C-alpha atoms as a PDB file:
ATOM      1  CA  MET A   1       5.331   5.953  11.470  1.00  0.00           C
ATOM      2  CA  PRO A   2       8.734   6.252   9.850  1.00  0.00           C
ATOM      3  CA  PHE A   3      11.872   5.869  11.931  1.00  0.00           C
ATOM      4  CA  ASP A   4      12.730   9.566  12.010  1.00  0.00           C
ATOM      5  CA  LYS A   5       9.278  10.589  13.290  1.00  0.00           C
ATOM      6  CA  VAL A   6       9.304   7.942  16.017  1.00  0.00           C
ATOM      7  CA  MET A   7      12.772   8.916  17.199  1.00  0.00           C
ATOM      8  CA  HIS A   8      11.840  12.618  17.139  1.00  0.00           C
ATOM      9  CA  LYS A   9       8.831  11.949  19.379  1.00  0.00           C
ATOM     10  CA  PHE A  10      10.938   9.682  21.604  1.00  0.00           C
ATOM     11  CA  LYS A  11      13.671  12.300  22.073  1.00  0.00           C
ATOM     12  CA  HIS A  12      11.154  15.028  22.915  1.00  0.00           C
ATOM     13  CA  GLY A  13       9.237  12.792  25.345  1.00  0.00           C
ATOM     14  CA  GLU A  14       6.075  12.737  23.228  1.00  0.00           C
ATOM     15  CA  LEU A  15       6.025   8.989  22.487  1.00  0.00           C
ATOM     16  CA  HIS A  16       3.643   6.981  24.673  1.00  0.00           C
ATOM     17  CA  SER A  17       3.100   3.269  25.010  1.00  0.00           C
ATOM     18  CA  GLY A  18      -0.426   2.347  24.011  1.00  0.00           C
ATOM     19  CA  SER A  19      -2.489   5.498  23.738  1.00  0.00           C
ATOM     20  CA  LYS A  20      -1.703   9.137  24.499  1.00  0.00           C
ATOM     21  CA  HIS A  21      -2.561   8.484  28.132  1.00  0.00           C
ATOM     22  CA  GLY A  22      -0.103   5.603  28.508  1.00  0.00           C
ATOM     23  CA  LYS A  23       3.310   5.875  30.083  1.00  0.00           C
ATOM     24  CA  LYS A  24       6.041   7.738  28.253  1.00  0.00           C
ATOM     25  CA  VAL A  25       8.536   5.556  26.436  1.00  0.00           C
ATOM     26  CA  THR A  26      11.975   5.834  28.051  1.00  0.00           C
ATOM     27  CA  ASN A  27      13.803   3.043  26.254  1.00  0.00           C
ATOM     28  CA  ARG A  28      15.152   3.413  22.700  1.00  0.00           C
ATOM     29  CA  LYS A  29      14.528  -0.263  21.930  1.00  0.00           C
ATOM     30  CA  GLN A  30      10.908   0.099  23.028  1.00  0.00           C
ATOM     31  CA  ALA A  31      10.496   3.056  20.648  1.00  0.00           C
ATOM     32  CA  ILE A  32      11.830   0.954  17.773  1.00  0.00           C
ATOM     33  CA  ALA A  33       9.478  -1.903  18.721  1.00  0.00           C
ATOM     34  CA  ILE A  34       6.499   0.487  18.597  1.00  0.00           C
ATOM     35  CA  MET A  35       7.588   1.694  15.166  1.00  0.00           C
ATOM     36  CA  MET A  36       7.871  -1.874  13.828  1.00  0.00           C
ATOM     37  CA  SER A  37       4.496  -2.809  15.304  1.00  0.00           C
ATOM     38  CA  GLU A  38       2.761   0.174  13.697  1.00  0.00           C
ATOM     39  CA  LYS A  39       4.449  -0.568  10.398  1.00  0.00           C
ATOM     40  CA  SER A  40       3.171  -4.157  10.362  1.00  0.00           C
ATOM     41  CA  LYS A  41      -0.360  -3.003  11.236  1.00  0.00           C
ATOM     42  CA  SER A  42      -0.380  -0.579   8.313  1.00  0.00           C
ATOM     43  CA  LYS A  43       0.347  -3.286   5.746  1.00  0.00           C
ATOM     44  CA  SER A  44      -2.875  -4.230   4.045  1.00  0.00           C
ATOM     45  CA  LYS A  45      -3.591  -7.920   4.002  1.00  0.00           C
ATOM     46  CA  PRO A  46      -5.359  -9.332   0.946  1.00  0.00           C
ATOM     47  CA  GLU A  47      -8.902 -10.328   1.664  1.00  0.00           C
ATOM     48  CA  TYR A  48     -10.141 -13.773   0.748  1.00  0.00           C
ATOM     49  CA  LYS A  49     -12.062 -13.673  -2.497  1.00  0.00           C
ATOM     50  CA  SER A  50     -14.252 -16.611  -3.405  1.00  0.00           C
ATOM     51  CA  LYS A  51     -13.935 -18.026  -6.901  1.00  0.00           C
ATOM     52  CA  THR A  52     -17.657 -18.715  -6.948  1.00  0.00           C
ATOM     53  CA  LYS A  53     -18.514 -15.074  -6.127  1.00  0.00           C
ATOM     54  CA  GLY A  54     -21.021 -15.930  -3.419  1.00  0.00           C
ATOM     55  CA  LYS A  55     -22.459 -18.984  -5.131  1.00  0.00           C
ATOM     56  CA  VAL A  56     -22.168 -22.309  -3.367  1.00  0.00           C
ATOM     57  CA  ASP A  57     -20.790 -25.037  -5.588  1.00  0.00           C
ATOM     58  CA  THR A  58     -22.558 -28.276  -4.652  1.00  0.00           C
ATOM     59  CA  ALA A  59     -21.178 -30.412  -7.493  1.00  0.00           C
ATOM     60  CA  PRO A  60     -18.156 -32.571  -6.560  1.00  0.00           C
ATOM     61  CA  SER A  61     -14.859 -31.717  -8.188  1.00  0.00           C
ATOM     62  CA  LYS A  62     -13.543 -33.618 -11.235  1.00  0.00           C
ATOM     63  CA  ASN A  63     -10.664 -35.156  -9.287  1.00  0.00           C
ATOM     64  CA  PHE A  64     -13.054 -36.368  -6.623  1.00  0.00           C
ATOM     65  CA  MET A  65     -15.188 -38.153  -9.235  1.00  0.00           C
ATOM     66  CA  LYS A  66     -12.131 -39.705 -10.928  1.00  0.00           C
ATOM     67  CA  ARG A  67     -11.250 -41.568  -7.726  1.00  0.00           C
ATOM     68  CA  PHE A  68     -14.599 -43.318  -7.713  1.00  0.00           C
ATOM     69  CA  GLU A  69     -14.736 -43.993 -11.432  1.00  0.00           C
ATOM     70  CA  SER A  70     -11.469 -45.947 -11.329  1.00  0.00           C
ATOM     71  CA  THR A  71     -12.806 -48.337  -8.656  1.00  0.00           C
ATOM     72  CA  LYS A  72     -15.783 -49.472 -10.775  1.00  0.00           C
END
């Protein structure tokens, strides 16, 4: 929620900690903390995408093979 909506709910006694059945928020700093928490939850995190697209690469990498070729 944006800052103005959170503060509006806080001033009118409609902001609750947790769910709607939680205690009413009475501290301004707590209201701001709730706003920041909700804002961070809303940010979408990029999902891990495999380069192999579901295929398992069983061949060793080129750099891995170079280490063993130099010891021969």
